[in-house]
PDB file of N, CA and C in Angstrom:
ATOM      1  N   UNK A   1      33.516  32.237  21.828  1.00  0.00           N
ATOM      2  CA  UNK A   1      34.596  32.605  23.142  1.00  0.00           C
ATOM      3  C   UNK A   1      33.213  33.776  22.307  1.00  0.00           C
ATOM      4  N   UNK A   2      32.205  33.374  22.602  1.00  0.00           N
ATOM      5  CA  UNK A   2      30.872  33.855  22.226  1.00  0.00           C
ATOM      6  C   UNK A   2      29.996  34.540  23.861  1.00  0.00           C
ATOM      7  N   UNK A   3      30.864  34.007  24.553  1.00  0.00           N
ATOM      8  CA  UNK A   3      30.112  33.868  25.966  1.00  0.00           C
ATOM      9  C   UNK A   3      31.251  34.980  27.096  1.00  0.00           C
ATOM     10  N   UNK A   4      31.785  35.616  26.315  1.00  0.00           N
ATOM     11  CA  UNK A   4      32.452  36.440  26.996  1.00  0.00           C
ATOM     12  C   UNK A   4      32.035  37.216  28.235  1.00  0.00           C
ATOM     13  N   UNK A   5      30.765  37.613  27.527  1.00  0.00           N
ATOM     14  CA  UNK A   5      30.238  38.458  28.908  1.00  0.00           C
ATOM     15  C   UNK A   5      29.601  37.668  29.941  1.00  0.00           C
ATOM     16  N   UNK A   6      29.612  36.102  29.925  1.00  0.00           N
ATOM     17  CA  UNK A   6      28.609  35.817  30.738  1.00  0.00           C
ATOM     18  C   UNK A   6      29.365  35.429  31.844  1.00  0.00           C
ATOM     19  N   UNK A   7      30.731  35.366  31.035  1.00  0.00           N
ATOM     20  CA  UNK A   7      32.340  34.415  31.497  1.00  0.00           C
ATOM     21  C   UNK A   7      33.012  35.380  32.894  1.00  0.00           C
ATOM     22  N   UNK A   8      32.788  36.824  32.324  1.00  0.00           N
ATOM     23  CA  UNK A   8      33.258  37.468  33.401  1.00  0.00           C
ATOM     24  C   UNK A   8      32.445  37.831  34.453  1.00  0.00           C
ATOM     25  N   UNK A   9      31.056  38.097  34.473  1.00  0.00           N
ATOM     26  CA  UNK A   9      30.779  38.238  35.746  1.00  0.00           C
ATOM     27  C   UNK A   9      30.674  37.085  36.851  1.00  0.00           C
ATOM     28  N   UNK A  10      30.011  35.617  35.399  1.00  0.00           N
ATOM     29  CA  UNK A  10      30.933  34.126  36.406  1.00  0.00           C
ATOM     30  C   UNK A  10      31.925  34.720  37.717  1.00  0.00           C
ATOM     31  N   UNK A  11      33.212  34.819  36.902  1.00  0.00           N
ATOM     32  CA  UNK A  11      33.915  34.924  37.374  1.00  0.00           C
ATOM     33  C   UNK A  11      33.759  35.488  39.061  1.00  0.00           C
ATOM     34  N   UNK A  12      33.607  37.221  38.157  1.00  0.00           N
ATOM     35  CA  UNK A  12      33.761  37.460  39.162  1.00  0.00           C
ATOM     36  C   UNK A  12      32.430  37.042  40.986  1.00  0.00           C
ATOM     37  N   UNK A  13      31.586  36.618  39.908  1.00  0.00           N
ATOM     38  CA  UNK A  13      30.668  36.012  41.064  1.00  0.00           C
ATOM     39  C   UNK A  13      31.168  35.300  42.159  1.00  0.00           C
ATOM     40  N   UNK A  14      31.942  34.080  41.370  1.00  0.00           N
ATOM     41  CA  UNK A  14      32.185  33.231  42.121  1.00  0.00           C
ATOM     42  C   UNK A  14      33.948  33.498  42.956  1.00  0.00           C
ATOM     43  N   UNK A  15      34.625  34.927  42.378  1.00  0.00           N
ATOM     44  CA  UNK A  15      35.372  34.917  43.534  1.00  0.00           C
ATOM     45  C   UNK A  15      35.313  35.532  44.269  1.00  0.00           C
ATOM     46  N   UNK A  16      33.861  36.566  44.363  1.00  0.00           N
ATOM     47  CA  UNK A  16      33.216  37.549  45.152  1.00  0.00           C
ATOM     48  C   UNK A  16      32.426  36.128  46.774  1.00  0.00           C
ATOM     49  N   UNK A  17      32.131  34.670  46.543  1.00  0.00           N
ATOM     50  CA  UNK A  17      31.597  33.993  47.006  1.00  0.00           C
ATOM     51  C   UNK A  17      32.982  33.476  47.179  1.00  0.00           C
ATOM     52  N   UNK A  18      34.186  33.325  46.630  1.00  0.00           N
ATOM     53  CA  UNK A  18      34.619  32.425  47.396  1.00  0.00           C
ATOM     54  C   UNK A  18      35.549  32.871  48.703  1.00  0.00           C
ATOM     55  N   UNK A  19      35.725  34.834  48.349  1.00  0.00           N
ATOM     56  CA  UNK A  19      36.329  35.347  49.486  1.00  0.00           C
ATOM     57  C   UNK A  19      35.349  35.642  50.301  1.00  0.00           C
ATOM     58  N   UNK A  20      34.153  35.842  50.178  1.00  0.00           N
ATOM     59  CA  UNK A  20      32.750  35.384  51.716  1.00  0.00           C
ATOM     60  C   UNK A  20      32.983  34.602  51.671  1.00  0.00           C
ATOM     61  N   UNK A  21      32.757  32.819  51.790  1.00  0.00           N
ATOM     62  CA  UNK A  21      33.372  32.026  52.413  1.00  0.00           C
ATOM     63  C   UNK A  21      34.187  31.477  52.512  1.00  0.00           C
ATOM     64  N   UNK A  22      35.425  32.257  51.802  1.00  0.00           N
ATOM     65  CA  UNK A  22      36.851  31.144  53.023  1.00  0.00           C
ATOM     66  C   UNK A  22      37.242  31.886  53.992  1.00  0.00           C
ATOM     67  N   UNK A  23      37.274  33.448  53.430  1.00  0.00           N
ATOM     68  CA  UNK A  23      38.188  34.116  54.103  1.00  0.00           C
ATOM     69  C   UNK A  23      36.894  35.213  55.192  1.00  0.00           C
ATOM     70  N   UNK A  24      37.583  34.277  56.264  1.00  0.00           N
ATOM     71  CA  UNK A  24      37.945  34.652  57.477  1.00  0.00           C
ATOM     72  C   UNK A  24      37.160  36.461  57.644  1.00  0.00           C
ATOM     73  N   UNK A  25      35.889  36.931  58.166  1.00  0.00           N
ATOM     74  CA  UNK A  25      35.847  38.124  58.388  1.00  0.00           C
ATOM     75  C   UNK A  25      35.944  39.043  57.129  1.00  0.00           C
ATOM     76  N   UNK A  26      35.676  38.136  55.789  1.00  0.00           N
ATOM     77  CA  UNK A  26      35.456  38.978  54.539  1.00  0.00           C
ATOM     78  C   UNK A  26      34.117  38.632  54.184  1.00  0.00           C
ATOM     79  N   UNK A  27      32.686  38.696  54.434  1.00  0.00           N
ATOM     80  CA  UNK A  27      31.396  38.075  53.889  1.00  0.00           C
ATOM     81  C   UNK A  27      31.639  39.363  53.218  1.00  0.00           C
ATOM     82  N   UNK A  28      31.827  40.691  53.357  1.00  0.00           N
ATOM     83  CA  UNK A  28      30.802  41.548  53.960  1.00  0.00           C
ATOM     84  C   UNK A  28      31.790  42.747  52.652  1.00  0.00           C
ATOM     85  N   UNK A  29      33.314  42.203  52.161  1.00  0.00           N
ATOM     86  CA  UNK A  29      34.390  42.693  50.922  1.00  0.00           C
ATOM     87  C   UNK A  29      33.330  41.759  49.682  1.00  0.00           C
ATOM     88  N   UNK A  30      33.681  40.380  49.642  1.00  0.00           N
ATOM     89  CA  UNK A  30      32.609  39.747  48.987  1.00  0.00           C
ATOM     90  C   UNK A  30      31.965  40.288  48.559  1.00  0.00           C
ATOM     91  N   UNK A  31      30.718  40.189  49.864  1.00  0.00           N
ATOM     92  CA  UNK A  31      29.406  40.965  48.894  1.00  0.00           C
ATOM     93  C   UNK A  31      29.840  41.870  47.824  1.00  0.00           C
ATOM     94  N   UNK A  32      30.499  42.831  47.906  1.00  0.00           N
ATOM     95  CA  UNK A  32      30.875  43.614  47.582  1.00  0.00           C
ATOM     96  C   UNK A  32      31.518  42.922  46.058  1.00  0.00           C
ATOM     97  N   UNK A  33      32.388  42.933  46.360  1.00  0.00           N
ATOM     98  CA  UNK A  33      32.712  42.371  45.436  1.00  0.00           C
ATOM     99  C   UNK A  33      31.908  41.724  43.836  1.00  0.00           C
ATOM    100  N   UNK A  34      30.923  40.780  45.501  1.00  0.00           N
ATOM    101  CA  UNK A  34      29.298  40.143  43.811  1.00  0.00           C
ATOM    102  C   UNK A  34      28.532  40.609  43.343  1.00  0.00           C
ATOM    103  N   UNK A  35      28.530  42.355  44.677  1.00  0.00           N
ATOM    104  CA  UNK A  35      27.263  43.181  43.517  1.00  0.00           C
ATOM    105  C   UNK A  35      28.287  44.222  42.547  1.00  0.00           C
ATOM    106  N   UNK A  36      29.988  44.566  42.170  1.00  0.00           N
ATOM    107  CA  UNK A  36      30.152  45.467  41.229  1.00  0.00           C
ATOM    108  C   UNK A  36      29.976  44.466  40.345  1.00  0.00           C
ATOM    109  N   UNK A  37      30.280  43.239  40.746  1.00  0.00           N
ATOM    110  CA  UNK A  37      30.276  42.254  39.363  1.00  0.00           C
ATOM    111  C   UNK A  37      28.623  41.950  38.213  1.00  0.00           C
ATOM    112  N   UNK A  38      27.623  42.351  39.532  1.00  0.00           N
ATOM    113  CA  UNK A  38      26.471  41.834  38.609  1.00  0.00           C
ATOM    114  C   UNK A  38      26.237  44.112  38.237  1.00  0.00           C
ATOM    115  N   UNK A  39      26.640  44.659  38.464  1.00  0.00           N
ATOM    116  CA  UNK A  39      26.729  45.375  38.075  1.00  0.00           C
ATOM    117  C   UNK A  39      27.609  45.904  36.513  1.00  0.00           C
ATOM    118  N   UNK A  40      29.098  45.125  36.629  1.00  0.00           N
ATOM    119  CA  UNK A  40      29.592  45.433  35.575  1.00  0.00           C
ATOM    120  C   UNK A  40      28.807  44.676  33.939  1.00  0.00           C
ATOM    121  N   UNK A  41      28.037  43.527  35.021  1.00  0.00           N
ATOM    122  CA  UNK A  41      26.974  42.944  33.772  1.00  0.00           C
ATOM    123  C   UNK A  41      26.041  43.377  33.290  1.00  0.00           C
ATOM    124  N   UNK A  42      25.505  44.444  34.049  1.00  0.00           N
ATOM    125  CA  UNK A  42      24.619  45.040  33.709  1.00  0.00           C
ATOM    126  C   UNK A  42      24.960  46.290  32.909  1.00  0.00           C
ATOM    127  N   UNK A  43      25.977  46.253  32.978  1.00  0.00           N
ATOM    128  CA  UNK A  43      26.836  47.743  32.094  1.00  0.00           C
ATOM    129  C   UNK A  43      27.257  47.222  30.609  1.00  0.00           C
ATOM    130  N   UNK A  44      27.290  46.340  30.804  1.00  0.00           N
ATOM    131  CA  UNK A  44      28.344  45.564  29.515  1.00  0.00           C
ATOM    132  C   UNK A  44      26.678  45.051  28.915  1.00  0.00           C
ATOM    133  N   UNK A  45      25.657  44.765  29.276  1.00  0.00           N
ATOM    134  CA  UNK A  45      24.526  44.092  28.945  1.00  0.00           C
ATOM    135  C   UNK A  45      24.326  44.766  27.755  1.00  0.00           C
ATOM    136  N   UNK A  46      23.817  46.394  29.001  1.00  0.00           N
ATOM    137  CA  UNK A  46      23.627  47.679  28.185  1.00  0.00           C
ATOM    138  C   UNK A  46      24.093  48.005  26.988  1.00  0.00           C
ATOM    139  N   UNK A  47      25.776  48.236  26.954  1.00  0.00           N
ATOM    140  CA  UNK A  47      26.153  48.417  25.684  1.00  0.00           C
ATOM    141  C   UNK A  47      26.264  47.998  24.562  1.00  0.00           C
ATOM    142  N   UNK A  48      26.715  46.447  24.366  1.00  0.00           N
ATOM    143  CA  UNK A  48      26.507  45.485  23.946  1.00  0.00           C
ATOM    144  C   UNK A  48      25.524  45.099  22.875  1.00  0.00           C
ATOM    145  N   UNK A  49      25.721  45.087  21.366  1.00  0.00           N
ATOM    146  CA  UNK A  49      24.313  44.638  20.563  1.00  0.00           C
ATOM    147  C   UNK A  49      24.012  43.264  21.376  1.00  0.00           C
ATOM    148  N   UNK A  50      23.011  43.069  20.476  1.00  0.00           N
ATOM    149  CA  UNK A  50      22.675  42.443  20.928  1.00  0.00           C
ATOM    150  C   UNK A  50      22.330  40.799  20.537  1.00  0.00           C
ATOM    151  N   UNK A  51      23.038  40.640  19.066  1.00  0.00           N
ATOM    152  CA  UNK A  51      23.771  39.488  18.929  1.00  0.00           C
ATOM    153  C   UNK A  51      24.849  38.766  19.586  1.00  0.00           C
ATOM    154  N   UNK A  52      25.305  39.712  20.107  1.00  0.00           N
ATOM    155  CA  UNK A  52      26.916  39.568  20.750  1.00  0.00           C
ATOM    156  C   UNK A  52      26.646  39.766  22.313  1.00  0.00           C
ATOM    157  N   UNK A  53      25.345  39.755  22.559  1.00  0.00           N
ATOM    158  CA  UNK A  53      25.758  39.445  24.117  1.00  0.00           C
ATOM    159  C   UNK A  53      25.320  38.177  25.124  1.00  0.00           C
ATOM    160  N   UNK A  54      25.083  37.159  24.322  1.00  0.00           N
ATOM    161  CA  UNK A  54      25.689  35.300  24.562  1.00  0.00           C
ATOM    162  C   UNK A  54      24.582  35.570  25.036  1.00  0.00           C
ATOM    163  N   UNK A  55      24.684  34.240  26.452  1.00  0.00           N
ATOM    164  CA  UNK A  55      23.907  33.780  27.705  1.00  0.00           C
ATOM    165  C   UNK A  55      23.715  35.262  28.670  1.00  0.00           C
ATOM    166  N   UNK A  56      24.411  36.082  28.736  1.00  0.00           N
ATOM    167  CA  UNK A  56      24.105  37.312  29.261  1.00  0.00           C
ATOM    168  C   UNK A  56      23.068  38.213  28.580  1.00  0.00           C
ATOM    169  N   UNK A  57      21.951  37.332  28.041  1.00  0.00           N
ATOM    170  CA  UNK A  57      20.677  37.781  26.877  1.00  0.00           C
ATOM    171  C   UNK A  57      19.835  36.731  26.826  1.00  0.00           C
ATOM    172  N   UNK A  58      18.864  37.672  28.062  1.00  0.00           N
ATOM    173  CA  UNK A  58      17.774  36.177  28.843  1.00  0.00           C
ATOM    174  C   UNK A  58      16.896  36.959  27.977  1.00  0.00           C
ATOM    175  N   UNK A  59      16.312  38.701  28.660  1.00  0.00           N
ATOM    176  CA  UNK A  59      14.427  38.797  28.556  1.00  0.00           C
ATOM    177  C   UNK A  59      15.378  40.126  26.691  1.00  0.00           C
ATOM    178  N   UNK A  60      14.462  41.164  27.213  1.00  0.00           N
ATOM    179  CA  UNK A  60      14.673  42.222  26.288  1.00  0.00           C
ATOM    180  C   UNK A  60      15.883  43.347  27.278  1.00  0.00           C
ATOM    181  N   UNK A  61      16.631  44.097  26.285  1.00  0.00           N
ATOM    182  CA  UNK A  61      17.448  44.633  26.900  1.00  0.00           C
ATOM    183  C   UNK A  61      17.793  45.325  28.215  1.00  0.00           C
ATOM    184  N   UNK A  62      16.168  46.276  28.394  1.00  0.00           N
ATOM    185  CA  UNK A  62      16.093  47.160  29.793  1.00  0.00           C
ATOM    186  C   UNK A  62      15.972  45.762  30.857  1.00  0.00           C
ATOM    187  N   UNK A  63      15.016  44.396  30.558  1.00  0.00           N
ATOM    188  CA  UNK A  63      14.829  43.514  31.882  1.00  0.00           C
ATOM    189  C   UNK A  63      16.052  43.100  32.000  1.00  0.00           C
ATOM    190  N   UNK A  64      16.998  42.760  31.177  1.00  0.00           N
ATOM    191  CA  UNK A  64      18.235  42.414  31.807  1.00  0.00           C
ATOM    192  C   UNK A  64      18.807  43.338  32.720  1.00  0.00           C
ATOM    193  N   UNK A  65      19.571  44.366  31.600  1.00  0.00           N
ATOM    194  CA  UNK A  65      19.915  45.599  32.505  1.00  0.00           C
ATOM    195  C   UNK A  65      18.855  45.703  34.292  1.00  0.00           C
ATOM    196  N   UNK A  66      17.841  46.086  33.836  1.00  0.00           N
ATOM    197  CA  UNK A  66      17.329  46.155  35.334  1.00  0.00           C
ATOM    198  C   UNK A  66      17.381  45.174  35.825  1.00  0.00           C
ATOM    199  N   UNK A  67      17.421  43.234  35.687  1.00  0.00           N
ATOM    200  CA  UNK A  67      17.293  43.124  36.485  1.00  0.00           C
ATOM    201  C   UNK A  67      18.776  43.001  37.600  1.00  0.00           C
ATOM    202  N   UNK A  68      19.766  43.297  36.247  1.00  0.00           N
ATOM    203  CA  UNK A  68      21.170  43.209  36.659  1.00  0.00           C
ATOM    204  C   UNK A  68      21.133  43.870  38.036  1.00  0.00           C
ATOM    205  N   UNK A  69      21.115  45.472  37.263  1.00  0.00           N
ATOM    206  CA  UNK A  69      21.445  47.172  37.851  1.00  0.00           C
ATOM    207  C   UNK A  69      21.169  46.007  40.264  1.00  0.00           C
ATOM    208  N   UNK A  70      19.126  46.059  39.903  1.00  0.00           N
ATOM    209  CA  UNK A  70      18.526  46.257  40.474  1.00  0.00           C
ATOM    210  C   UNK A  70      19.417  45.357  41.472  1.00  0.00           C
ATOM    211  N   UNK A  71      19.582  44.111  41.986  1.00  0.00           N
ATOM    212  CA  UNK A  71      20.185  42.922  42.081  1.00  0.00           C
ATOM    213  C   UNK A  71      21.542  43.768  42.589  1.00  0.00           C
ATOM    214  N   UNK A  72      22.367  43.949  42.106  1.00  0.00           N
ATOM    215  CA  UNK A  72      23.704  44.655  42.083  1.00  0.00           C
ATOM    216  C   UNK A  72      23.080  45.420  43.621  1.00  0.00           C
ATOM    217  N   UNK A  73      22.448  46.385  43.599  1.00  0.00           N
ATOM    218  CA  UNK A  73      22.366  48.001  44.018  1.00  0.00           C
ATOM    219  C   UNK A  73      22.479  47.425  45.841  1.00  0.00           C
ATOM    220  N   UNK A  74      21.094  46.082  45.178  1.00  0.00           N
ATOM    221  CA  UNK A  74      20.447  45.646  46.867  1.00  0.00           C
ATOM    222  C   UNK A  74      21.735  44.089  47.270  1.00  0.00           C
ATOM    223  N   UNK A  75      22.867  44.114  46.825  1.00  0.00           N
ATOM    224  CA  UNK A  75      23.470  43.065  47.511  1.00  0.00           C
ATOM    225  C   UNK A  75      24.653  44.736  47.605  1.00  0.00           C
ATOM    226  N   UNK A  76      24.464  44.986  47.196  1.00  0.00           N
ATOM    227  CA  UNK A  76      26.392  45.976  47.574  1.00  0.00           C
ATOM    228  C   UNK A  76      25.284  46.915  49.003  1.00  0.00           C
ATOM    229  N   UNK A  77      24.499  47.440  48.704  1.00  0.00           N
ATOM    230  CA  UNK A  77      23.616  48.236  49.688  1.00  0.00           C
ATOM    231  C   UNK A  77      23.206  46.585  50.749  1.00  0.00           C
ATOM    232  N   UNK A  78      22.876  45.505  50.973  1.00  0.00           N
ATOM    233  CA  UNK A  78      22.816  44.239  51.795  1.00  0.00           C
ATOM    234  C   UNK A  78      24.205  45.242  53.096  1.00  0.00           C
ATOM    235  N   UNK A  79      25.072  44.588  51.745  1.00  0.00           N
ATOM    236  CA  UNK A  79      26.671  44.585  52.253  1.00  0.00           C
ATOM    237  C   UNK A  79      26.651  46.054  53.561  1.00  0.00           C
ATOM    238  N   UNK A  80      26.721  46.640  52.981  1.00  0.00           N
ATOM    239  CA  UNK A  80      26.658  48.283  53.676  1.00  0.00           C
ATOM    240  C   UNK A  80      26.230  48.096  54.818  1.00  0.00           C
ATOM    241  N   UNK A  81      24.963  47.804  55.090  1.00  0.00           N
ATOM    242  CA  UNK A  81      24.197  47.780  55.689  1.00  0.00           C
ATOM    243  C   UNK A  81      23.790  47.015  57.009  1.00  0.00           C
ATOM    244  N   UNK A  82      24.241  45.724  56.637  1.00  0.00           N
ATOM    245  CA  UNK A  82      24.608  44.824  57.481  1.00  0.00           C
ATOM    246  C   UNK A  82      24.737  44.914  58.591  1.00  0.00           C
ATOM    247  N   UNK A  83      25.255  44.618  60.288  1.00  0.00           N
ATOM    248  CA  UNK A  83      25.924  45.198  60.495  1.00  0.00           C
ATOM    249  C   UNK A  83      26.998  43.807  61.220  1.00  0.00           C
ATOM    250  N   UNK A  84      28.228  43.994  60.918  1.00  0.00           N
ATOM    251  CA  UNK A  84      29.121  42.697  61.704  1.00  0.00           C
ATOM    252  C   UNK A  84      28.959  41.285  62.291  1.00  0.00           C
ATOM    253  N   UNK A  85      28.091  42.514  63.683  1.00  0.00           N
ATOM    254  CA  UNK A  85      27.822  41.294  64.330  1.00  0.00           C
ATOM    255  C   UNK A  85      29.123  41.482  66.328  1.00  0.00           C
ATOM    256  N   UNK A  86      29.671  42.770  65.349  1.00  0.00           N
ATOM    257  CA  UNK A  86      30.788  42.683  66.918  1.00  0.00           C
ATOM    258  C   UNK A  86      30.905  42.700  67.740  1.00  0.00           C
TER     259      UNK A  86
END
């Protein structure tokens, strides 16, 4: 169970992707969930010590937190900004 940080992020992203793809007209909610769980991953990576981050640790802590944080903000911003097409 050393990989629990990555597992949390992957379950959240998979849930968001499932909602975005399978539930009609809920792509925005799915995108927000994906962005939120990437943000959770950034917080987990920032808080956990080096040896306990598991596969959520790819590069340095600063790089990992920045990459997850930027991806989170970008996905959430796009989910809010993109018009619904109605």
